[in-house]
Amino acid sequence: MKEKIYTAKQVRWKSIFSFSVFIVAFAAGIYIWKSVRAEPKDHGVPKTLRKGLTTNEKIFSEVFSKDKLIKTYPVSEAVKQPRFNGWEGLRSPLDSVGWRLHVVKKNGDTVSFTMDDIKKLPKTEVVFDFKCIEGWSQKTWWGGVKFSDFISYFHLDSEAQTSYAGMITPDRGYYVGLDMPSVMHPQTLLCYEMNGKELPLNQGYPLRLIIPVKYGIKHIKRIGTIYFSNMRPPDYWAERGYDYYAGH
């Protein structure tokens, strides 16, 4: 094949054309970026970006299956000191003696449970790759009660027919909204142990959520109240521009 030879003038014009295309594309990118930033906000982010997040949620929720389990690992692979990330909901002093898990039923009644009540249920353990939305992950070992077992044991089946569960820390400093299929997944735990021992204070003592099908922003520490709704409950990080569904 004969090699094509360009003259100096042709090379110069090609360079000018390429540079012009780059400038136009760069200017268009800046314009689009500024236009999106100027849009009205929808739960903390411009409407266009929120539409993208909502589309992702629809895709993830449609392919979600409670029969599909997150990969688990032997205890020997769990890190000895799981990473601590975030004080939200933990800054207020904890009344460990007076702590109760409050569950608000569909009819508005509130029932309360001690840790002894919760520990009556069979303990389940899981070692999985805990993933943070910031990009890091580590294999961690947790123990507690399956959320689905908690629902069944305490006759909350009617509440589980709603679309969402909301959870709030005792000081109301942190809160999450969770789709019911994910919270009823067989690997979702009301967790009271880490690495075979009682939860440390900074990991959510006395009770936290471990929900392996979600990123870490949904694993609320120090749960104080659980309630149920067919409307999306407020969610701390979704209000600050993150994905509400937060599945992976």
Protein backbone atom coordinates (compact mmCIF):
# COMPACT_ATOMS: atom_id res chain seq x y z
CA MET A 1 0.00 0.00 0.00
CA LYS A 2 1.43 3.35 -1.06
CA GLU A 3 2.11 5.72 1.83
CA LYS A 4 0.23 9.01 1.58
CA ILE A 5 2.46 12.03 1.91
CA TYR A 6 1.05 15.33 3.20
CA THR A 7 2.47 18.71 2.35
CA ALA A 8 3.41 21.17 5.07
CA LYS A 9 0.33 23.24 4.19
CA GLN A 10 -1.98 20.21 4.56
CA VAL A 11 -0.46 19.32 7.92
CA ARG A 12 -0.92 22.90 9.08
CA TRP A 13 -4.59 22.97 8.08
CA LYS A 14 -5.26 19.58 9.66
CA SER A 15 -3.73 20.86 12.88
CA ILE A 16 -5.83 24.02 12.75
CA PHE A 17 -8.97 21.96 12.10
CA SER A 18 -8.24 19.54 14.96
CA PHE A 19 -7.52 22.39 17.37
CA SER A 20 -10.74 24.15 16.31
CA VAL A 21 -12.78 21.00 16.93
CA PHE A 22 -11.18 20.69 20.38
CA ILE A 23 -12.02 24.31 21.23
CA VAL A 24 -15.65 23.91 20.09
CA ALA A 25 -16.05 20.64 22.04
CA PHE A 26 -14.47 22.19 25.14
CA ALA A 27 -16.74 25.25 24.91
CA ALA A 28 -19.79 23.03 24.44
CA GLY A 29 -18.79 21.00 27.50
CA ILE A 30 -18.44 24.16 29.59
CA TYR A 31 -21.82 25.41 28.37
CA ILE A 32 -23.56 22.13 29.19
CA TRP A 33 -21.87 21.97 32.60
CA LYS A 34 -22.95 25.52 33.47
CA SER A 35 -26.48 24.88 32.17
CA VAL A 36 -26.85 21.77 34.31
CA ARG A 37 -25.48 23.56 37.40
CA ALA A 38 -28.00 26.34 36.87
CA GLU A 39 -30.96 23.97 36.84
CA PRO A 40 -33.37 23.78 39.80
CA LYS A 41 -32.23 21.25 42.37
CA ASP A 42 -34.01 17.98 42.96
CA HIS A 43 -32.97 16.51 46.34
CA GLY A 44 -29.62 18.22 46.31
CA VAL A 45 -28.58 17.83 42.66
CA PRO A 46 -29.61 19.42 39.33
CA LYS A 47 -32.70 17.84 37.78
CA THR A 48 -30.82 16.33 34.83
CA LEU A 49 -28.38 14.52 37.10
CA ARG A 50 -31.20 13.36 39.36
CA LYS A 51 -32.98 11.91 36.31
CA GLY A 52 -29.84 9.94 35.53
CA LEU A 53 -29.68 8.60 39.08
CA THR A 54 -33.37 7.70 38.94
CA THR A 55 -32.83 5.81 35.69
CA ASN A 56 -29.99 3.85 37.30
CA GLU A 57 -32.28 3.02 40.22
CA LYS A 58 -34.98 1.68 37.91
CA ILE A 59 -32.47 -0.55 36.13
CA PHE A 60 -30.96 -1.89 39.36
CA SER A 61 -34.32 -2.46 41.05
CA GLU A 62 -35.75 -4.32 38.05
CA VAL A 63 -32.85 -6.80 37.96
CA PHE A 64 -32.70 -7.19 41.74
CA SER A 65 -33.50 -10.64 43.09
CA LYS A 66 -33.70 -11.74 46.72
CA ASP A 67 -32.43 -15.13 45.55
CA LYS A 68 -29.17 -13.65 44.31
CA LEU A 69 -26.71 -13.59 47.20
CA ILE A 70 -23.68 -11.37 47.58
CA LYS A 71 -20.42 -13.33 47.48
CA THR A 72 -19.19 -14.31 50.95
CA TYR A 73 -15.73 -15.21 52.28
CA PRO A 74 -14.16 -17.25 55.09
CA VAL A 75 -13.68 -15.48 58.43
CA SER A 76 -9.91 -15.71 57.95
CA GLU A 77 -10.13 -13.14 55.12
CA ALA A 78 -11.93 -10.50 57.21
CA VAL A 79 -9.90 -7.46 58.22
CA LYS A 80 -9.02 -7.19 61.91
CA GLN A 81 -9.82 -3.49 62.17
CA PRO A 82 -12.66 -2.51 59.81
CA ARG A 83 -12.42 1.04 58.58
CA PHE A 84 -14.46 3.65 60.45
CA ASN A 85 -16.10 6.21 58.19
CA GLY A 86 -18.45 8.92 59.42
CA TRP A 87 -19.67 10.28 62.76
CA GLU A 88 -23.16 11.21 61.55
CA GLY A 89 -25.68 9.98 64.10
CA LEU A 90 -22.99 9.05 66.63
CA ARG A 91 -22.01 12.43 68.04
CA SER A 92 -24.55 12.48 70.88
CA PRO A 93 -23.85 10.47 74.07
CA LEU A 94 -25.50 7.05 74.05
CA ASP A 95 -27.81 5.98 76.87
CA SER A 96 -26.88 2.30 76.60
CA VAL A 97 -29.11 1.33 79.56
CA GLY A 98 -32.17 3.15 78.26
CA TRP A 99 -31.64 2.29 74.59
CA ARG A 100 -34.55 0.63 72.83
CA LEU A 101 -35.25 -0.18 69.20
CA HIS A 102 -38.54 1.56 68.44
CA VAL A 103 -40.62 0.17 65.58
CA VAL A 104 -43.50 2.27 64.29
CA LYS A 105 -46.23 0.07 62.86
CA LYS A 106 -48.51 0.93 59.94
CA ASN A 107 -51.36 1.86 62.29
CA GLY A 108 -49.12 4.36 64.11
CA ASP A 109 -48.52 2.23 67.20
CA THR A 110 -44.92 2.02 68.40
CA VAL A 111 -43.45 -1.14 69.87
CA SER A 112 -40.05 -1.20 71.55
CA PHE A 113 -37.42 -3.92 71.84
CA THR A 114 -34.38 -4.41 74.03
CA MET A 115 -31.20 -6.12 72.85
CA ASP A 116 -32.27 -9.18 74.86
CA ASP A 117 -35.48 -9.31 72.80
CA ILE A 118 -33.51 -9.15 69.57
CA LYS A 119 -30.94 -11.72 70.65
CA LYS A 120 -33.68 -14.29 71.20
CA LEU A 121 -33.69 -14.80 67.44
CA PRO A 122 -31.18 -17.08 65.67
CA LYS A 123 -27.84 -15.38 65.04
CA THR A 124 -26.60 -15.14 61.47
CA GLU A 125 -23.08 -14.18 60.39
CA VAL A 126 -21.81 -12.82 57.10
CA VAL A 127 -18.34 -12.01 55.76
CA PHE A 128 -18.58 -9.90 52.62
CA ASP A 129 -16.82 -7.18 50.69
CA PHE A 130 -18.11 -3.97 52.31
CA LYS A 131 -18.13 -1.30 49.59
CA CYS A 132 -18.04 2.45 50.12
CA ILE A 133 -19.36 4.89 47.55
CA GLU A 134 -16.02 6.72 47.92
CA GLY A 135 -14.35 3.82 46.11
CA TRP A 136 -12.74 1.69 48.84
CA SER A 137 -13.81 -1.76 49.97
CA GLN A 138 -12.73 -4.37 52.53
CA LYS A 139 -13.86 -7.83 53.61
CA THR A 140 -15.63 -7.55 56.96
CA TRP A 141 -17.26 -10.00 59.40
CA TRP A 142 -20.59 -9.22 61.04
CA GLY A 143 -23.13 -11.03 63.21
CA GLY A 144 -26.73 -10.36 64.10
CA VAL A 145 -30.32 -11.16 63.26
CA LYS A 146 -31.73 -11.38 59.76
CA PHE A 147 -34.07 -8.46 59.24
CA SER A 148 -36.55 -10.84 57.62
CA ASP A 149 -36.42 -13.07 60.74
CA PHE A 150 -37.04 -10.02 62.93
CA ILE A 151 -40.09 -9.14 60.82
CA SER A 152 -41.47 -12.66 61.02
CA TYR A 153 -40.74 -13.29 64.71
CA PHE A 154 -42.40 -10.08 65.88
CA HIS A 155 -45.39 -10.39 63.51
CA LEU A 156 -44.56 -7.37 61.36
CA ASP A 157 -45.52 -9.06 58.10
CA SER A 158 -48.09 -6.40 57.28
CA GLU A 159 -45.43 -3.70 57.65
CA ALA A 160 -43.16 -5.64 55.28
CA GLN A 161 -45.81 -5.32 52.56
CA THR A 162 -45.05 -1.60 52.26
CA SER A 163 -42.61 -0.28 49.66
CA TYR A 164 -39.99 1.20 52.00
CA ALA A 165 -38.45 1.07 55.43
CA GLY A 166 -36.97 4.14 57.10
CA MET A 167 -34.36 4.03 59.87
CA ILE A 168 -33.20 6.84 62.17
CA THR A 169 -30.49 7.16 64.83
CA PRO A 170 -31.63 8.04 68.38
CA ASP A 171 -30.36 11.63 67.99
CA ARG A 172 -31.99 11.87 64.53
CA GLY A 173 -28.63 12.94 63.13
CA TYR A 174 -28.59 10.21 60.49
CA TYR A 175 -31.39 8.51 58.60
CA VAL A 176 -31.81 6.22 55.60
CA GLY A 177 -34.61 5.14 53.31
CA LEU A 178 -34.50 1.59 51.97
CA ASP A 179 -36.54 -0.24 49.36
CA MET A 180 -38.32 -3.19 50.97
CA PRO A 181 -36.97 -5.92 48.63
CA SER A 182 -33.41 -4.98 49.63
CA VAL A 183 -34.10 -4.71 53.35
CA MET A 184 -35.83 -8.12 53.27
CA HIS A 185 -32.89 -9.71 51.41
CA PRO A 186 -31.68 -12.81 53.33
CA GLN A 187 -28.23 -11.27 53.95
CA THR A 188 -29.55 -8.05 55.52
CA LEU A 189 -28.83 -8.03 59.26
CA LEU A 190 -29.77 -6.09 62.35
CA CYS A 191 -26.20 -6.40 63.48
CA TYR A 192 -24.82 -6.44 67.05
CA GLU A 193 -21.41 -8.09 66.52
CA MET A 194 -18.27 -7.33 64.54
CA ASN A 195 -15.40 -9.82 64.30
CA GLY A 196 -17.18 -12.11 66.76
CA LYS A 197 -17.38 -9.43 69.46
CA GLU A 198 -19.82 -6.75 70.58
CA LEU A 199 -19.98 -3.80 68.22
CA PRO A 200 -17.61 -0.94 69.12
CA LEU A 201 -19.23 2.44 69.76
CA ASN A 202 -17.87 3.90 66.53
CA GLN A 203 -19.31 0.99 64.53
CA GLY A 204 -22.84 1.53 65.76
CA TYR A 205 -23.21 -0.11 69.18
CA PRO A 206 -25.64 -1.47 70.22
CA LEU A 207 -27.34 -2.14 66.87
CA ARG A 208 -26.61 -1.20 63.28
CA LEU A 209 -27.72 -2.26 59.82
CA ILE A 210 -25.63 -4.45 57.56
CA ILE A 211 -27.13 -4.63 54.09
CA PRO A 212 -24.59 -6.21 51.70
CA VAL A 213 -26.56 -5.38 48.54
CA LYS A 214 -26.01 -1.65 49.22
CA TYR A 215 -23.08 0.74 49.47
CA GLY A 216 -21.92 1.83 52.92
CA ILE A 217 -24.03 5.00 53.04
CA LYS A 218 -27.09 2.78 53.67
CA HIS A 219 -25.52 0.78 56.55
CA ILE A 220 -26.90 3.01 59.28
CA LYS A 221 -25.14 2.80 62.64
CA ARG A 222 -26.87 2.93 66.06
CA ILE A 223 -30.43 2.40 64.90
CA GLY A 224 -33.03 4.02 67.14
CA THR A 225 -36.25 3.86 65.13
CA ILE A 226 -37.57 1.80 62.22
CA TYR A 227 -40.76 2.74 60.39
CA PHE A 228 -42.52 1.69 57.19
CA SER A 229 -44.06 3.62 54.32
CA ASN A 230 -45.27 3.45 50.76
CA MET A 231 -43.66 6.84 50.20
CA ARG A 232 -39.90 7.27 50.04
CA PRO A 233 -38.56 8.05 53.53
CA PRO A 234 -36.01 10.87 53.85
CA ASP A 235 -32.41 9.79 53.26
CA TYR A 236 -29.39 11.69 54.59
CA TRP A 237 -27.05 11.26 51.62
CA ALA A 238 -29.72 11.35 48.91
CA GLU A 239 -30.57 14.83 50.20
CA ARG A 240 -26.92 15.72 49.62
CA GLY A 241 -26.84 14.62 46.00
CA TYR A 242 -26.11 10.89 46.20
CA ASP A 243 -28.05 8.04 44.65
CA TYR A 244 -31.11 7.10 46.71
CA TYR A 245 -31.03 3.41 45.75
CA ALA A 246 -27.26 3.02 46.31
CA GLY A 247 -27.19 -0.61 45.18
CA HIS A 248 -24.26 -2.41 43.58
